[in-house]
Amino acid sequence: MSFREKTAWIAVVTTLVVWSVYFAWFWTDVAGQQLDGGTVLTRFLICMGISLVVMVGLNVATGVMTAKNIETPPDELERQIEARADRIGFKLLELLVPVGLIGGLLATDTIRSAFPADPAGSVALIFANGILMAFVLTEVVREAVHIASFRMTA
């Protein structure tokens, strides 16, 4: 397994574990109509910190174990894999963001009525987390394309 494939695995597993927990907390709060901006921000920062520490730590450890591979520039195949993953990721993001925004705009009145204590803040939190979810999903798909491409060429 190449160094770049290992980093893709690290990104996929870490992102799925950490951000699944974050979004489970968030959507549970939304379903229970208990959104609190301070709590959401704290959870976001904790999840971002955990992701950063785990990914950097595992990538450094992987780089140390495969020192000869870390410094080599990507070959033509790796560049093609990267380009394919980027194309698929950007197309997915171009689809998810507008669909999410349009869906959010259509649900704005429902969100406002569900959170009468802070209707504007709740709409903003749900919109921001919807966009964040689109980015996280796109990154997972992008890295999964890396893995699948490396597996198909191996």
N, C-alpha and C. Protein backbone atom coordinates (compact mmCIF):
# COMPACT_ATOMS: atom_id res chain seq x y z
N MET A 1 0.86 -1.17 0.00
CA MET A 1 0.00 0.00 0.00
C MET A 1 0.90 1.23 0.00
N SER A 2 0.63 2.14 -0.91
CA SER A 2 1.46 3.33 -1.02
C SER A 2 1.16 4.33 0.11
N PHE A 3 2.10 5.24 0.29
CA PHE A 3 1.94 6.26 1.32
C PHE A 3 0.66 7.07 1.07
N ARG A 4 0.41 7.43 -0.18
CA ARG A 4 -0.76 8.25 -0.50
C ARG A 4 -2.08 7.50 -0.26
N GLU A 5 -2.07 6.20 -0.49
CA GLU A 5 -3.26 5.41 -0.19
C GLU A 5 -3.49 5.33 1.32
N LYS A 6 -2.40 5.19 2.07
CA LYS A 6 -2.52 5.15 3.53
C LYS A 6 -3.09 6.46 4.06
N THR A 7 -2.64 7.58 3.51
CA THR A 7 -3.18 8.87 3.98
C THR A 7 -4.66 9.01 3.62
N ALA A 8 -5.05 8.44 2.48
CA ALA A 8 -6.48 8.47 2.12
C ALA A 8 -7.30 7.65 3.11
N TRP A 9 -6.79 6.48 3.49
CA TRP A 9 -7.48 5.65 4.49
C TRP A 9 -7.59 6.39 5.83
N ILE A 10 -6.51 7.03 6.22
CA ILE A 10 -6.54 7.79 7.48
C ILE A 10 -7.61 8.87 7.42
N ALA A 11 -7.67 9.59 6.31
CA ALA A 11 -8.66 10.67 6.17
C ALA A 11 -10.08 10.14 6.20
N VAL A 12 -10.35 9.06 5.48
CA VAL A 12 -11.71 8.51 5.42
C VAL A 12 -12.16 8.01 6.79
N VAL A 13 -11.35 7.20 7.43
CA VAL A 13 -11.75 6.60 8.71
C VAL A 13 -11.91 7.68 9.78
N THR A 14 -10.93 8.57 9.87
CA THR A 14 -11.01 9.63 10.88
C THR A 14 -12.22 10.52 10.64
N THR A 15 -12.44 10.93 9.40
CA THR A 15 -13.57 11.80 9.09
C THR A 15 -14.89 11.13 9.38
N LEU A 16 -15.02 9.88 8.96
CA LEU A 16 -16.28 9.17 9.22
C LEU A 16 -16.56 9.03 10.71
N VAL A 17 -15.57 8.66 11.47
CA VAL A 17 -15.79 8.45 12.91
C VAL A 17 -16.10 9.77 13.61
N VAL A 18 -15.22 10.75 13.46
CA VAL A 18 -15.35 11.99 14.21
C VAL A 18 -16.58 12.79 13.77
N TRP A 19 -16.76 12.97 12.47
CA TRP A 19 -17.84 13.83 12.01
C TRP A 19 -19.19 13.15 12.05
N SER A 20 -19.23 11.82 12.03
CA SER A 20 -20.50 11.13 12.25
C SER A 20 -21.02 11.39 13.65
N VAL A 21 -20.11 11.38 14.62
CA VAL A 21 -20.50 11.69 16.00
C VAL A 21 -21.00 13.13 16.10
N TYR A 22 -20.27 14.06 15.49
CA TYR A 22 -20.67 15.47 15.53
C TYR A 22 -22.07 15.67 14.94
N PHE A 23 -22.27 15.12 13.72
CA PHE A 23 -23.57 15.33 13.07
C PHE A 23 -24.68 14.57 13.77
N ALA A 24 -24.39 13.44 14.40
CA ALA A 24 -25.41 12.75 15.19
C ALA A 24 -25.84 13.62 16.36
N TRP A 25 -24.86 14.24 17.06
CA TRP A 25 -25.21 15.18 18.14
C TRP A 25 -26.05 16.33 17.60
N PHE A 26 -25.59 16.91 16.52
CA PHE A 26 -26.26 18.10 16.00
C PHE A 26 -27.69 17.79 15.58
N TRP A 27 -27.89 16.75 14.77
CA TRP A 27 -29.25 16.47 14.28
C TRP A 27 -30.14 15.94 15.39
N THR A 28 -29.57 15.32 16.42
CA THR A 28 -30.36 14.94 17.59
C THR A 28 -30.86 16.19 18.31
N ASP A 29 -29.99 17.19 18.44
CA ASP A 29 -30.40 18.47 19.04
C ASP A 29 -31.48 19.15 18.21
N VAL A 30 -31.34 19.11 16.89
CA VAL A 30 -32.35 19.72 16.02
C VAL A 30 -33.68 18.99 16.18
N ALA A 31 -33.65 17.66 16.16
CA ALA A 31 -34.88 16.89 16.30
C ALA A 31 -35.54 17.13 17.65
N GLY A 32 -34.74 17.33 18.69
CA GLY A 32 -35.27 17.60 20.02
C GLY A 32 -35.55 19.07 20.26
N GLN A 33 -35.36 19.90 19.25
CA GLN A 33 -35.57 21.36 19.31
C GLN A 33 -34.80 21.97 20.48
N GLN A 34 -33.54 21.56 20.62
CA GLN A 34 -32.70 22.06 21.71
C GLN A 34 -31.38 22.60 21.18
N LEU A 35 -31.43 23.40 20.14
CA LEU A 35 -30.20 23.97 19.59
C LEU A 35 -29.65 25.06 20.49
N ASP A 36 -28.37 24.97 20.77
CA ASP A 36 -27.67 25.99 21.53
C ASP A 36 -26.38 26.30 20.79
N GLY A 37 -26.24 27.51 20.33
CA GLY A 37 -25.08 27.90 19.53
C GLY A 37 -23.76 27.67 20.21
N GLY A 38 -23.69 27.93 21.51
CA GLY A 38 -22.45 27.73 22.25
C GLY A 38 -22.05 26.26 22.32
N THR A 39 -23.03 25.41 22.54
CA THR A 39 -22.77 23.97 22.59
C THR A 39 -22.33 23.45 21.22
N VAL A 40 -23.02 23.91 20.17
CA VAL A 40 -22.67 23.48 18.82
C VAL A 40 -21.25 23.93 18.48
N LEU A 41 -20.90 25.16 18.82
CA LEU A 41 -19.55 25.65 18.55
C LEU A 41 -18.51 24.85 19.32
N THR A 42 -18.78 24.55 20.58
CA THR A 42 -17.85 23.77 21.39
C THR A 42 -17.64 22.39 20.79
N ARG A 43 -18.73 21.73 20.43
CA ARG A 43 -18.62 20.41 19.81
C ARG A 43 -17.86 20.48 18.49
N PHE A 44 -18.14 21.50 17.71
CA PHE A 44 -17.43 21.67 16.44
C PHE A 44 -15.93 21.80 16.66
N LEU A 45 -15.54 22.66 17.61
CA LEU A 45 -14.12 22.86 17.88
C LEU A 45 -13.45 21.60 18.42
N ILE A 46 -14.16 20.86 19.26
CA ILE A 46 -13.62 19.60 19.78
C ILE A 46 -13.43 18.61 18.64
N CYS A 47 -14.42 18.46 17.80
CA CYS A 47 -14.31 17.52 16.67
C CYS A 47 -13.23 17.95 15.69
N MET A 48 -13.11 19.24 15.44
CA MET A 48 -12.07 19.74 14.55
C MET A 48 -10.69 19.45 15.16
N GLY A 49 -10.55 19.68 16.46
CA GLY A 49 -9.28 19.41 17.13
C GLY A 49 -8.92 17.93 17.11
N ILE A 50 -9.91 17.08 17.39
CA ILE A 50 -9.66 15.64 17.36
C ILE A 50 -9.25 15.20 15.95
N SER A 51 -9.97 15.68 14.95
CA SER A 51 -9.63 15.34 13.56
C SER A 51 -8.21 15.76 13.23
N LEU A 52 -7.88 16.97 13.59
CA LEU A 52 -6.55 17.50 13.29
C LEU A 52 -5.46 16.69 13.97
N VAL A 53 -5.61 16.44 15.25
CA VAL A 53 -4.59 15.71 16.01
C VAL A 53 -4.44 14.28 15.48
N VAL A 54 -5.56 13.60 15.28
CA VAL A 54 -5.51 12.21 14.82
C VAL A 54 -4.92 12.12 13.41
N MET A 55 -5.39 12.96 12.49
CA MET A 55 -4.90 12.88 11.12
C MET A 55 -3.42 13.25 11.02
N VAL A 56 -3.04 14.34 11.67
CA VAL A 56 -1.63 14.73 11.63
C VAL A 56 -0.76 13.67 12.29
N GLY A 57 -1.18 13.19 13.44
CA GLY A 57 -0.40 12.17 14.15
C GLY A 57 -0.24 10.89 13.35
N LEU A 58 -1.34 10.40 12.79
CA LEU A 58 -1.26 9.16 12.01
C LEU A 58 -0.48 9.36 10.71
N ASN A 59 -0.63 10.52 10.08
CA ASN A 59 0.13 10.77 8.85
C ASN A 59 1.62 10.90 9.13
N VAL A 60 1.98 11.53 10.23
CA VAL A 60 3.40 11.62 10.60
C VAL A 60 3.94 10.23 10.90
N ALA A 61 3.19 9.44 11.67
CA ALA A 61 3.64 8.08 11.98
C ALA A 61 3.78 7.25 10.71
N THR A 62 2.83 7.37 9.80
CA THR A 62 2.90 6.66 8.53
C THR A 62 4.09 7.13 7.71
N GLY A 63 4.32 8.43 7.72
CA GLY A 63 5.46 8.98 6.98
C GLY A 63 6.79 8.52 7.53
N VAL A 64 6.88 8.40 8.84
CA VAL A 64 8.13 7.93 9.46
C VAL A 64 8.36 6.45 9.12
N MET A 65 7.27 5.67 9.13
CA MET A 65 7.41 4.24 8.83
C MET A 65 7.74 3.98 7.35
N THR A 66 7.32 4.89 6.48
CA THR A 66 7.58 4.73 5.05
C THR A 66 8.38 5.92 4.55
N ALA A 67 9.48 6.21 5.22
CA ALA A 67 10.27 7.42 4.92
C ALA A 67 10.70 7.51 3.47
N LYS A 68 10.99 6.39 2.85
CA LYS A 68 11.46 6.46 1.46
C LYS A 68 10.34 6.90 0.51
N ASN A 69 9.08 6.67 0.86
CA ASN A 69 7.96 7.01 -0.02
C ASN A 69 7.45 8.43 0.16
N ILE A 70 7.67 9.01 1.32
CA ILE A 70 7.08 10.31 1.62
C ILE A 70 7.69 11.43 0.78
N GLU A 71 8.95 11.30 0.45
CA GLU A 71 9.62 12.39 -0.26
C GLU A 71 9.53 12.26 -1.77
N THR A 72 9.08 11.13 -2.26
CA THR A 72 9.00 10.97 -3.70
C THR A 72 7.80 11.75 -4.24
N PRO A 73 8.01 12.46 -5.34
CA PRO A 73 6.89 13.20 -5.92
C PRO A 73 5.88 12.21 -6.52
N PRO A 74 4.63 12.64 -6.64
CA PRO A 74 3.63 11.74 -7.22
C PRO A 74 3.98 11.40 -8.67
N ASP A 75 3.77 10.14 -9.02
CA ASP A 75 4.02 9.75 -10.41
C ASP A 75 2.78 10.08 -11.25
N GLU A 76 2.83 9.72 -12.52
CA GLU A 76 1.73 10.06 -13.43
C GLU A 76 0.42 9.40 -13.00
N LEU A 77 0.48 8.15 -12.57
CA LEU A 77 -0.72 7.46 -12.12
C LEU A 77 -1.34 8.16 -10.92
N GLU A 78 -0.51 8.55 -9.96
CA GLU A 78 -1.03 9.24 -8.77
C GLU A 78 -1.63 10.59 -9.14
N ARG A 79 -1.06 11.27 -10.11
CA ARG A 79 -1.64 12.55 -10.57
C ARG A 79 -3.00 12.32 -11.22
N GLN A 80 -3.12 11.24 -12.00
CA GLN A 80 -4.40 10.93 -12.63
C GLN A 80 -5.45 10.57 -11.58
N ILE A 81 -5.04 9.80 -10.58
CA ILE A 81 -5.96 9.44 -9.50
C ILE A 81 -6.42 10.70 -8.76
N GLU A 82 -5.49 11.59 -8.47
CA GLU A 82 -5.83 12.85 -7.79
C GLU A 82 -6.80 13.68 -8.63
N ALA A 83 -6.52 13.77 -9.93
CA ALA A 83 -7.39 14.56 -10.82
C ALA A 83 -8.79 13.96 -10.89
N ARG A 84 -8.89 12.64 -10.97
CA ARG A 84 -10.19 11.98 -11.02
C ARG A 84 -10.95 12.22 -9.72
N ALA A 85 -10.28 12.08 -8.59
CA ALA A 85 -10.93 12.30 -7.30
C ALA A 85 -11.40 13.75 -7.16
N ASP A 86 -10.57 14.69 -7.61
CA ASP A 86 -10.96 16.10 -7.55
C ASP A 86 -12.18 16.38 -8.42
N ARG A 87 -12.19 15.82 -9.63
CA ARG A 87 -13.32 16.03 -10.54
C ARG A 87 -14.61 15.52 -9.92
N ILE A 88 -14.58 14.31 -9.40
CA ILE A 88 -15.77 13.72 -8.79
C ILE A 88 -16.19 14.52 -7.55
N GLY A 89 -15.22 14.89 -6.73
CA GLY A 89 -15.52 15.67 -5.53
C GLY A 89 -16.15 17.02 -5.83
N PHE A 90 -15.59 17.73 -6.82
CA PHE A 90 -16.14 19.04 -7.16
C PHE A 90 -17.53 18.93 -7.78
N LYS A 91 -17.76 17.90 -8.59
CA LYS A 91 -19.10 17.72 -9.15
C LYS A 91 -20.11 17.42 -8.05
N LEU A 92 -19.72 16.59 -7.09
CA LEU A 92 -20.61 16.30 -5.97
C LEU A 92 -20.89 17.55 -5.15
N LEU A 93 -19.86 18.33 -4.89
CA LEU A 93 -20.04 19.56 -4.13
C LEU A 93 -20.94 20.54 -4.88
N GLU A 94 -20.74 20.64 -6.19
CA GLU A 94 -21.60 21.51 -7.01
C GLU A 94 -23.06 21.08 -6.97
N LEU A 95 -23.30 19.81 -6.73
CA LEU A 95 -24.66 19.31 -6.61
C LEU A 95 -25.22 19.51 -5.20
N LEU A 96 -24.44 19.15 -4.19
CA LEU A 96 -24.93 19.17 -2.81
C LEU A 96 -25.20 20.56 -2.26
N VAL A 97 -24.33 21.51 -2.54
CA VAL A 97 -24.50 22.85 -1.96
C VAL A 97 -25.79 23.51 -2.45
N PRO A 98 -26.05 23.60 -3.76
CA PRO A 98 -27.32 24.21 -4.18
C PRO A 98 -28.55 23.46 -3.70
N VAL A 99 -28.50 22.12 -3.74
CA VAL A 99 -29.64 21.34 -3.27
C VAL A 99 -29.88 21.61 -1.79
N GLY A 100 -28.80 21.65 -1.00
CA GLY A 100 -28.93 21.95 0.42
C GLY A 100 -29.46 23.34 0.68
N LEU A 101 -28.97 24.32 -0.06
CA LEU A 101 -29.44 25.69 0.12
C LEU A 101 -30.90 25.85 -0.29
N ILE A 102 -31.27 25.26 -1.40
CA ILE A 102 -32.67 25.35 -1.84
C ILE A 102 -33.58 24.63 -0.85
N GLY A 103 -33.16 23.44 -0.40
CA GLY A 103 -33.94 22.72 0.60
C GLY A 103 -34.06 23.52 1.89
N GLY A 104 -32.98 24.16 2.29
CA GLY A 104 -33.01 24.99 3.49
C GLY A 104 -33.92 26.20 3.34
N LEU A 105 -33.86 26.83 2.18
CA LEU A 105 -34.75 27.97 1.93
C LEU A 105 -36.21 27.56 1.98
N LEU A 106 -36.51 26.39 1.44
CA LEU A 106 -37.89 25.91 1.46
C LEU A 106 -38.34 25.54 2.88
N ALA A 107 -37.39 25.19 3.74
CA ALA A 107 -37.73 24.78 5.11
C ALA A 107 -37.56 25.90 6.14
N THR A 108 -37.21 27.09 5.71
CA THR A 108 -36.93 28.19 6.64
C THR A 108 -38.10 28.47 7.58
N ASP A 109 -39.30 28.54 7.04
CA ASP A 109 -40.47 28.82 7.89
C ASP A 109 -40.70 27.71 8.91
N THR A 110 -40.48 26.47 8.50
CA THR A 110 -40.64 25.34 9.42
C THR A 110 -39.60 25.41 10.53
N ILE A 111 -38.36 25.76 10.17
CA ILE A 111 -37.30 25.88 11.18
C ILE A 111 -37.63 27.01 12.15
N ARG A 112 -38.05 28.14 11.63
CA ARG A 112 -38.39 29.28 12.50
C ARG A 112 -39.49 28.93 13.49
N SER A 113 -40.52 28.23 13.01
CA SER A 113 -41.62 27.89 13.92
C SER A 113 -41.22 26.82 14.93
N ALA A 114 -40.25 25.97 14.58
CA ALA A 114 -39.80 24.92 15.50
C ALA A 114 -38.91 25.47 16.61
N PHE A 115 -38.28 26.63 16.37
CA PHE A 115 -37.37 27.23 17.35
C PHE A 115 -37.79 28.67 17.62
N PRO A 116 -38.90 28.88 18.33
CA PRO A 116 -39.40 30.24 18.53
C PRO A 116 -38.50 31.10 19.42
N ALA A 117 -37.68 30.49 20.26
CA ALA A 117 -36.80 31.27 21.14
C ALA A 117 -35.72 32.01 20.35
N ASP A 118 -35.20 31.39 19.30
CA ASP A 118 -34.16 32.01 18.48
C ASP A 118 -34.30 31.52 17.04
N PRO A 119 -35.31 32.01 16.33
CA PRO A 119 -35.55 31.50 14.98
C PRO A 119 -34.41 31.80 14.01
N ALA A 120 -33.86 32.99 14.06
CA ALA A 120 -32.79 33.36 13.12
C ALA A 120 -31.51 32.57 13.40
N GLY A 121 -31.17 32.45 14.66
CA GLY A 121 -29.97 31.70 15.03
C GLY A 121 -30.09 30.23 14.66
N SER A 122 -31.26 29.66 14.84
CA SER A 122 -31.47 28.26 14.50
C SER A 122 -31.37 28.03 13.00
N VAL A 123 -31.95 28.94 12.23
CA VAL A 123 -31.84 28.83 10.76
C VAL A 123 -30.38 28.91 10.35
N ALA A 124 -29.64 29.85 10.93
CA ALA A 124 -28.22 30.01 10.59
C ALA A 124 -27.42 28.77 10.96
N LEU A 125 -27.66 28.21 12.15
CA LEU A 125 -26.94 27.00 12.56
C LEU A 125 -27.24 25.81 11.66
N ILE A 126 -28.49 25.65 11.29
CA ILE A 126 -28.86 24.53 10.44
C ILE A 126 -28.28 24.71 9.04
N PHE A 127 -28.33 25.92 8.51
CA PHE A 127 -27.73 26.19 7.20
C PHE A 127 -26.22 25.93 7.24
N ALA A 128 -25.54 26.46 8.24
CA ALA A 128 -24.08 26.31 8.33
C ALA A 128 -23.70 24.84 8.47
N ASN A 129 -24.43 24.09 9.28
CA ASN A 129 -24.12 22.68 9.45
C ASN A 129 -24.51 21.85 8.23
N GLY A 130 -25.51 22.28 7.51
CA GLY A 130 -25.85 21.62 6.25
C GLY A 130 -24.73 21.78 5.23
N ILE A 131 -24.17 22.98 5.14
CA ILE A 131 -23.05 23.23 4.23
C ILE A 131 -21.83 22.44 4.71
N LEU A 132 -21.57 22.45 6.01
CA LEU A 132 -20.45 21.68 6.56
C LEU A 132 -20.62 20.20 6.25
N MET A 133 -21.81 19.70 6.36
CA MET A 133 -22.09 18.30 6.06
C MET A 133 -21.80 17.99 4.59
N ALA A 134 -22.15 18.92 3.71
CA ALA A 134 -21.87 18.73 2.28
C ALA A 134 -20.36 18.66 2.04
N PHE A 135 -19.60 19.53 2.71
CA PHE A 135 -18.14 19.50 2.55
C PHE A 135 -17.53 18.21 3.11
N VAL A 136 -18.01 17.77 4.26
CA VAL A 136 -17.48 16.54 4.87
C VAL A 136 -17.80 15.34 3.98
N LEU A 137 -19.03 15.25 3.50
CA LEU A 137 -19.42 14.15 2.63
C LEU A 137 -18.59 14.17 1.34
N THR A 138 -18.38 15.35 0.79
CA THR A 138 -17.58 15.47 -0.43
C THR A 138 -16.15 15.00 -0.19
N GLU A 139 -15.58 15.37 0.93
CA GLU A 139 -14.20 14.96 1.22
C GLU A 139 -14.11 13.45 1.42
N VAL A 140 -15.09 12.85 2.07
CA VAL A 140 -15.09 11.40 2.25
C VAL A 140 -15.17 10.70 0.90
N VAL A 141 -16.06 11.19 0.03
CA VAL A 141 -16.19 10.59 -1.30
C VAL A 141 -14.89 10.77 -2.08
N ARG A 142 -14.30 11.94 -2.01
CA ARG A 142 -13.06 12.22 -2.73
C ARG A 142 -11.94 11.27 -2.29
N GLU A 143 -11.79 11.09 -0.99
CA GLU A 143 -10.76 10.19 -0.49
C GLU A 143 -11.10 8.73 -0.79
N ALA A 144 -12.39 8.38 -0.78
CA ALA A 144 -12.80 7.02 -1.15
C ALA A 144 -12.48 6.73 -2.61
N VAL A 145 -12.60 7.74 -3.46
CA VAL A 145 -12.21 7.58 -4.86
C VAL A 145 -10.71 7.31 -4.95
N HIS A 146 -9.92 8.01 -4.14
CA HIS A 146 -8.48 7.73 -4.09
C HIS A 146 -8.24 6.25 -3.76
N ILE A 147 -8.88 5.79 -2.71
CA ILE A 147 -8.68 4.41 -2.26
C ILE A 147 -9.11 3.42 -3.35
N ALA A 148 -10.30 3.63 -3.89
CA ALA A 148 -10.80 2.72 -4.93
C ALA A 148 -9.86 2.73 -6.14
N SER A 149 -9.38 3.88 -6.52
CA SER A 149 -8.47 3.98 -7.66
C SER A 149 -7.16 3.26 -7.39
N PHE A 150 -6.62 3.45 -6.20
CA PHE A 150 -5.38 2.73 -5.84
C PHE A 150 -5.61 1.23 -5.82
N ARG A 151 -6.75 0.80 -5.30
CA ARG A 151 -7.07 -0.63 -5.22
C ARG A 151 -7.23 -1.23 -6.62
N MET A 152 -7.84 -0.48 -7.52
CA MET A 152 -8.08 -1.00 -8.88
C MET A 152 -6.78 -1.12 -9.67
N THR A 153 -5.79 -0.28 -9.34
CA THR A 153 -4.53 -0.33 -10.08
C THR A 153 -3.52 -1.27 -9.44
N ALA A 154 -3.81 -1.71 -8.22
CA ALA A 154 -2.85 -2.59 -7.51
C ALA A 154 -2.89 -4.01 -8.01
